[in-house]
PDB file of N, CA and C in Angstrom:
ATOM      1  N   MET A   1     -93.473 -12.571-114.582  1.00  0.00           N
ATOM      2  CA  MET A   1     -94.140 -13.740-114.761  1.00  0.00           C
ATOM      3  C   MET A   1     -94.410 -15.111-116.040  1.00  0.00           C
ATOM      4  N   LEU A   2     -94.166 -16.421-115.605  1.00  0.00           N
ATOM      5  CA  LEU A   2     -93.955 -17.007-116.487  1.00  0.00           C
ATOM      6  C   LEU A   2     -95.557 -17.506-116.955  1.00  0.00           C
ATOM      7  N   ALA A   3     -95.611 -18.152-118.535  1.00  0.00           N
ATOM      8  CA  ALA A   3     -96.891 -18.296-119.040  1.00  0.00           C
ATOM      9  C   ALA A   3     -97.409 -20.016-118.717  1.00  0.00           C
ATOM     10  N   ALA A   4     -97.767 -20.411-119.013  1.00  0.00           N
ATOM     11  CA  ALA A   4     -98.418 -22.276-118.671  1.00  0.00           C
ATOM     12  C   ALA A   4     -97.260 -22.586-119.412  1.00  0.00           C
ATOM     13  N   GLY A   5     -96.529 -23.708-119.501  1.00  0.00           N
ATOM     14  CA  GLY A   5     -96.016 -24.208-120.368  1.00  0.00           C
ATOM     15  C   GLY A   5     -94.518 -23.634-120.509  1.00  0.00           C
ATOM     16  N   GLN A   6     -94.220 -22.593-119.965  1.00  0.00           N
ATOM     17  CA  GLN A   6     -92.893 -21.933-119.787  1.00  0.00           C
ATOM     18  C   GLN A   6     -92.309 -22.523-118.688  1.00  0.00           C
ATOM     19  N   ARG A   7     -90.438 -22.694-118.817  1.00  0.00           N
ATOM     20  CA  ARG A   7     -89.915 -23.542-117.958  1.00  0.00           C
ATOM     21  C   ARG A   7     -88.665 -22.104-117.379  1.00  0.00           C
ATOM     22  N   SER A   8     -88.547 -22.096-116.586  1.00  0.00           N
ATOM     23  CA  SER A   8     -87.450 -20.926-115.950  1.00  0.00           C
ATOM     24  C   SER A   8     -86.004 -21.649-115.756  1.00  0.00           C
ATOM     25  N   HIS A   9     -84.948 -21.566-116.287  1.00  0.00           N
ATOM     26  CA  HIS A   9     -84.063 -21.718-116.232  1.00  0.00           C
ATOM     27  C   HIS A   9     -82.566 -21.774-115.454  1.00  0.00           C
ATOM     28  N   ARG A  10     -81.631 -22.051-115.075  1.00  0.00           N
ATOM     29  CA  ARG A  10     -80.301 -21.114-114.450  1.00  0.00           C
ATOM     30  C   ARG A  10     -79.981 -21.672-115.045  1.00  0.00           C
ATOM     31  N   VAL A  11     -78.941 -20.481-115.638  1.00  0.00           N
ATOM     32  CA  VAL A  11     -78.154 -20.268-117.122  1.00  0.00           C
ATOM     33  C   VAL A  11     -76.741 -19.738-116.513  1.00  0.00           C
ATOM     34  N   ARG A  12     -75.777 -20.273-116.957  1.00  0.00           N
ATOM     35  CA  ARG A  12     -74.187 -19.885-116.579  1.00  0.00           C
ATOM     36  C   ARG A  12     -73.303 -19.445-117.652  1.00  0.00           C
ATOM     37  N   PHE A  13     -73.178 -18.328-117.715  1.00  0.00           N
ATOM     38  CA  PHE A  13     -72.055 -17.508-118.517  1.00  0.00           C
ATOM     39  C   PHE A  13     -70.634 -17.701-118.259  1.00  0.00           C
ATOM     40  N   GLU A  14     -69.557 -18.634-119.103  1.00  0.00           N
ATOM     41  CA  GLU A  14     -68.192 -19.293-118.722  1.00  0.00           C
ATOM     42  C   GLU A  14     -67.114 -18.278-119.478  1.00  0.00           C
ATOM     43  N   ARG A  15     -65.888 -18.053-119.281  1.00  0.00           N
ATOM     44  CA  ARG A  15     -64.989 -18.225-119.816  1.00  0.00           C
ATOM     45  C   ARG A  15     -63.986 -18.488-119.684  1.00  0.00           C
ATOM     46  N   ARG A  16     -63.351 -19.231-121.319  1.00  0.00           N
ATOM     47  CA  ARG A  16     -62.342 -19.575-121.134  1.00  0.00           C
ATOM     48  C   ARG A  16     -60.806 -19.067-120.814  1.00  0.00           C
ATOM     49  N   VAL A  17     -60.243 -19.475-119.877  1.00  0.00           N
ATOM     50  CA  VAL A  17     -58.558 -18.522-119.122  1.00  0.00           C
ATOM     51  C   VAL A  17     -57.942 -19.987-119.679  1.00  0.00           C
ATOM     52  N   PRO A  18     -56.661 -19.065-119.575  1.00  0.00           N
ATOM     53  CA  PRO A  18     -55.403 -20.252-119.817  1.00  0.00           C
ATOM     54  C   PRO A  18     -55.181 -20.835-118.845  1.00  0.00           C
ATOM     55  N   GLY A  19     -54.381 -21.709-119.131  1.00  0.00           N
ATOM     56  CA  GLY A  19     -54.120 -23.109-117.839  1.00  0.00           C
ATOM     57  C   GLY A  19     -52.554 -22.210-117.037  1.00  0.00           C
ATOM     58  N   ASP A  20     -52.528 -22.423-116.188  1.00  0.00           N
ATOM     59  CA  ASP A  20     -50.826 -21.917-115.474  1.00  0.00           C
ATOM     60  C   ASP A  20     -50.108 -22.825-115.669  1.00  0.00           C
ATOM     61  N   ASP A  21     -48.785 -22.243-114.941  1.00  0.00           N
ATOM     62  CA  ASP A  21     -47.762 -23.153-114.995  1.00  0.00           C
ATOM     63  C   ASP A  21     -47.315 -23.972-114.035  1.00  0.00           C
ATOM     64  N   ASP A  22     -47.275 -25.800-113.868  1.00  0.00           N
ATOM     65  CA  ASP A  22     -47.216 -25.960-112.855  1.00  0.00           C
ATOM     66  C   ASP A  22     -45.786 -26.176-112.202  1.00  0.00           C
ATOM     67  N   GLY A  23     -45.298 -25.647-112.492  1.00  0.00           N
ATOM     68  CA  GLY A  23     -43.524 -24.898-111.392  1.00  0.00           C
ATOM     69  C   GLY A  23     -42.529 -25.739-112.029  1.00  0.00           C
ATOM     70  N   TYR A  24     -42.803 -26.829-113.636  1.00  0.00           N
ATOM     71  CA  TYR A  24     -41.789 -27.395-114.022  1.00  0.00           C
ATOM     72  C   TYR A  24     -41.547 -27.268-115.430  1.00  0.00           C
ATOM     73  N   SER A  25     -42.306 -25.740-115.557  1.00  0.00           N
ATOM     74  CA  SER A  25     -42.317 -25.328-117.272  1.00  0.00           C
ATOM     75  C   SER A  25     -43.177 -26.272-118.175  1.00  0.00           C
ATOM     76  N   ASN A  26     -44.398 -27.138-117.397  1.00  0.00           N
ATOM     77  CA  ASN A  26     -45.250 -27.813-118.236  1.00  0.00           C
ATOM     78  C   ASN A  26     -46.582 -26.597-118.057  1.00  0.00           C
ATOM     79  N   SER A  27     -47.039 -26.507-119.454  1.00  0.00           N
ATOM     80  CA  SER A  27     -48.041 -26.016-119.178  1.00  0.00           C
ATOM     81  C   SER A  27     -49.806 -26.713-118.629  1.00  0.00           C
ATOM     82  N   LEU A  28     -50.316 -26.173-117.845  1.00  0.00           N
ATOM     83  CA  LEU A  28     -52.220 -27.314-117.369  1.00  0.00           C
ATOM     84  C   LEU A  28     -52.819 -26.545-118.556  1.00  0.00           C
ATOM     85  N   PRO A  29     -54.186 -27.411-119.058  1.00  0.00           N
ATOM     86  CA  PRO A  29     -54.815 -27.091-119.621  1.00  0.00           C
ATOM     87  C   PRO A  29     -55.703 -26.306-119.209  1.00  0.00           C
ATOM     88  N   GLU A  30     -56.364 -25.603-120.088  1.00  0.00           N
ATOM     89  CA  GLU A  30     -56.909 -24.498-120.257  1.00  0.00           C
ATOM     90  C   GLU A  30     -58.477 -24.988-119.014  1.00  0.00           C
ATOM     91  N   ASN A  31     -58.785 -23.865-118.364  1.00  0.00           N
ATOM     92  CA  ASN A  31     -60.136 -24.534-117.975  1.00  0.00           C
ATOM     93  C   ASN A  31     -61.217 -23.434-118.120  1.00  0.00           C
ATOM     94  N   TRP A  32     -62.634 -23.284-117.471  1.00  0.00           N
ATOM     95  CA  TRP A  32     -63.604 -22.606-117.709  1.00  0.00           C
ATOM     96  C   TRP A  32     -63.872 -21.837-116.299  1.00  0.00           C
ATOM     97  N   THR A  33     -64.125 -20.840-116.309  1.00  0.00           N
ATOM     98  CA  THR A  33     -64.745 -19.859-115.168  1.00  0.00           C
ATOM     99  C   THR A  33     -65.882 -19.295-115.351  1.00  0.00           C
ATOM    100  N   VAL A  34     -66.698 -19.304-114.341  1.00  0.00           N
ATOM    101  CA  VAL A  34     -67.703 -18.947-114.347  1.00  0.00           C
ATOM    102  C   VAL A  34     -67.965 -17.190-114.421  1.00  0.00           C
ATOM    103  N   GLN A  35     -68.457 -16.749-115.388  1.00  0.00           N
ATOM    104  CA  GLN A  35     -68.451 -15.047-114.745  1.00  0.00           C
ATOM    105  C   GLN A  35     -69.916 -14.664-114.412  1.00  0.00           C
ATOM    106  N   VAL A  36     -70.855 -15.322-114.559  1.00  0.00           N
ATOM    107  CA  VAL A  36     -72.302 -14.853-113.988  1.00  0.00           C
ATOM    108  C   VAL A  36     -73.165 -15.810-114.198  1.00  0.00           C
ATOM    109  N   MET A  37     -73.868 -16.401-112.797  1.00  0.00           N
ATOM    110  CA  MET A  37     -75.476 -17.122-113.202  1.00  0.00           C
ATOM    111  C   MET A  37     -76.408 -16.233-113.183  1.00  0.00           C
ATOM    112  N   VAL A  38     -77.509 -16.614-113.827  1.00  0.00           N
ATOM    113  CA  VAL A  38     -79.048 -15.796-113.953  1.00  0.00           C
ATOM    114  C   VAL A  38     -79.643 -17.051-114.082  1.00  0.00           C
ATOM    115  N   TRP A  39     -81.056 -16.627-113.656  1.00  0.00           N
ATOM    116  CA  TRP A  39     -82.442 -17.481-114.293  1.00  0.00           C
ATOM    117  C   TRP A  39     -83.021 -16.530-115.584  1.00  0.00           C
ATOM    118  N   ALA A  40     -83.347 -17.538-116.601  1.00  0.00           N
ATOM    119  CA  ALA A  40     -83.885 -16.870-117.474  1.00  0.00           C
ATOM    120  C   ALA A  40     -85.043 -18.103-118.324  1.00  0.00           C
ATOM    121  N   VAL A  41     -85.713 -17.727-119.143  1.00  0.00           N
ATOM    122  CA  VAL A  41     -86.524 -18.447-120.184  1.00  0.00           C
ATOM    123  C   VAL A  41     -86.010 -18.530-121.251  1.00  0.00           C
ATOM    124  N   PHE A  42     -86.576 -20.093-122.196  1.00  0.00           N
ATOM    125  CA  PHE A  42     -86.112 -19.840-123.505  1.00  0.00           C
ATOM    126  C   PHE A  42     -87.737 -19.837-124.130  1.00  0.00           C
ATOM    127  N   ARG A  43     -87.990 -18.869-125.141  1.00  0.00           N
ATOM    128  CA  ARG A  43     -88.830 -18.770-125.949  1.00  0.00           C
ATOM    129  C   ARG A  43     -88.443 -19.275-127.416  1.00  0.00           C
ATOM    130  N   PRO A  44     -89.229 -20.435-127.612  1.00  0.00           N
ATOM    131  CA  PRO A  44     -88.770 -21.203-129.309  1.00  0.00           C
ATOM    132  C   PRO A  44     -89.500 -20.218-130.271  1.00  0.00           C
ATOM    133  N   LYS A  45     -89.234 -20.192-131.312  1.00  0.00           N
ATOM    134  CA  LYS A  45     -89.412 -19.866-132.433  1.00  0.00           C
ATOM    135  C   LYS A  45     -89.725 -20.942-133.793  1.00  0.00           C
ATOM    136  N   PHE A  46     -90.922 -21.801-133.816  1.00  0.00           N
ATOM    137  CA  PHE A  46     -91.251 -22.731-134.546  1.00  0.00           C
ATOM    138  C   PHE A  46     -90.784 -22.875-136.089  1.00  0.00           C
ATOM    139  N   GLY A  47     -90.789 -23.859-136.558  1.00  0.00           N
ATOM    140  CA  GLY A  47     -90.436 -23.789-137.911  1.00  0.00           C
ATOM    141  C   GLY A  47     -89.604 -23.799-138.620  1.00  0.00           C
ATOM    142  N   HIS A  48     -88.028 -23.664-138.287  1.00  0.00           N
ATOM    143  CA  HIS A  48     -86.905 -23.716-138.251  1.00  0.00           C
ATOM    144  C   HIS A  48     -86.275 -24.544-139.275  1.00  0.00           C
ATOM    145  N   GLU A  49     -86.217 -24.748-140.616  1.00  0.00           N
ATOM    146  CA  GLU A  49     -85.727 -26.122-141.151  1.00  0.00           C
ATOM    147  C   GLU A  49     -84.955 -26.206-142.279  1.00  0.00           C
ATOM    148  N   GLN A  50     -83.294 -26.263-142.134  1.00  0.00           N
ATOM    149  CA  GLN A  50     -83.240 -26.100-143.522  1.00  0.00           C
ATOM    150  C   GLN A  50     -82.234 -27.491-144.195  1.00  0.00           C
ATOM    151  N   LEU A  51     -81.459 -27.426-145.409  1.00  0.00           N
ATOM    152  CA  LEU A  51     -81.211 -28.269-146.412  1.00  0.00           C
ATOM    153  C   LEU A  51     -79.913 -28.371-145.933  1.00  0.00           C
ATOM    154  N   GLU A  52     -79.200 -29.264-145.360  1.00  0.00           N
ATOM    155  CA  GLU A  52     -77.855 -29.218-145.110  1.00  0.00           C
ATOM    156  C   GLU A  52     -76.911 -30.181-145.826  1.00  0.00           C
ATOM    157  N   ALA A  53     -75.661 -30.133-146.428  1.00  0.00           N
ATOM    158  CA  ALA A  53     -75.247 -31.232-146.834  1.00  0.00           C
ATOM    159  C   ALA A  53     -76.196 -32.465-147.246  1.00  0.00           C
ATOM    160  N   GLY A  54     -77.082 -31.715-148.150  1.00  0.00           N
ATOM    161  CA  GLY A  54     -78.213 -33.419-148.491  1.00  0.00           C
ATOM    162  C   GLY A  54     -79.103 -33.852-147.636  1.00  0.00           C
ATOM    163  N   ARG A  55     -79.228 -33.342-146.629  1.00  0.00           N
ATOM    164  CA  ARG A  55     -79.922 -33.539-145.325  1.00  0.00           C
ATOM    165  C   ARG A  55     -80.304 -32.718-145.026  1.00  0.00           C
ATOM    166  N   LEU A  56     -81.909 -32.975-144.425  1.00  0.00           N
ATOM    167  CA  LEU A  56     -82.779 -32.173-144.141  1.00  0.00           C
ATOM    168  C   LEU A  56     -82.499 -31.932-142.255  1.00  0.00           C
ATOM    169  N   GLU A  57     -81.905 -30.552-142.159  1.00  0.00           N
ATOM    170  CA  GLU A  57     -81.155 -30.486-140.862  1.00  0.00           C
ATOM    171  C   GLU A  57     -82.724 -29.739-140.073  1.00  0.00           C
ATOM    172  N   SER A  58     -82.730 -29.666-138.379  1.00  0.00           N
ATOM    173  CA  SER A  58     -83.680 -29.184-138.031  1.00  0.00           C
ATOM    174  C   SER A  58     -82.939 -28.261-136.245  1.00  0.00           C
ATOM    175  N   SER A  59     -83.503 -27.129-136.414  1.00  0.00           N
ATOM    176  CA  SER A  59     -82.443 -26.217-135.565  1.00  0.00           C
ATOM    177  C   SER A  59     -83.650 -25.747-134.613  1.00  0.00           C
ATOM    178  N   MET A  60     -83.289 -25.157-133.678  1.00  0.00           N
ATOM    179  CA  MET A  60     -84.456 -24.625-132.522  1.00  0.00           C
ATOM    180  C   MET A  60     -83.798 -22.939-132.397  1.00  0.00           C
ATOM    181  N   GLN A  61     -84.327 -22.118-133.007  1.00  0.00           N
ATOM    182  CA  GLN A  61     -83.984 -20.878-132.095  1.00  0.00           C
ATOM    183  C   GLN A  61     -85.093 -20.442-131.253  1.00  0.00           C
ATOM    184  N   GLY A  62     -84.786 -19.233-130.697  1.00  0.00           N
ATOM    185  CA  GLY A  62     -85.329 -18.621-129.892  1.00  0.00           C
ATOM    186  C   GLY A  62     -85.194 -17.525-129.175  1.00  0.00           C
ATOM    187  N   ARG A  63     -85.566 -17.039-128.525  1.00  0.00           N
ATOM    188  CA  ARG A  63     -85.206 -15.529-127.580  1.00  0.00           C
ATOM    189  C   ARG A  63     -85.341 -15.918-126.061  1.00  0.00           C
TER     190      ARG A  63
END
């Protein structure tokens, strides 16, 4: 059950697969293939900022 303000998202996990041969000894570029698609909820943890390369970097972590 979702609490107020939470959003459910469709999340896709992918895996990179090597490209095939086109039949003329040329390799085709790598592709991404979907492994699984699931519904997920992101619960953020607030207040995480760090100093990186002399400037303030803000990132969002959660679970």
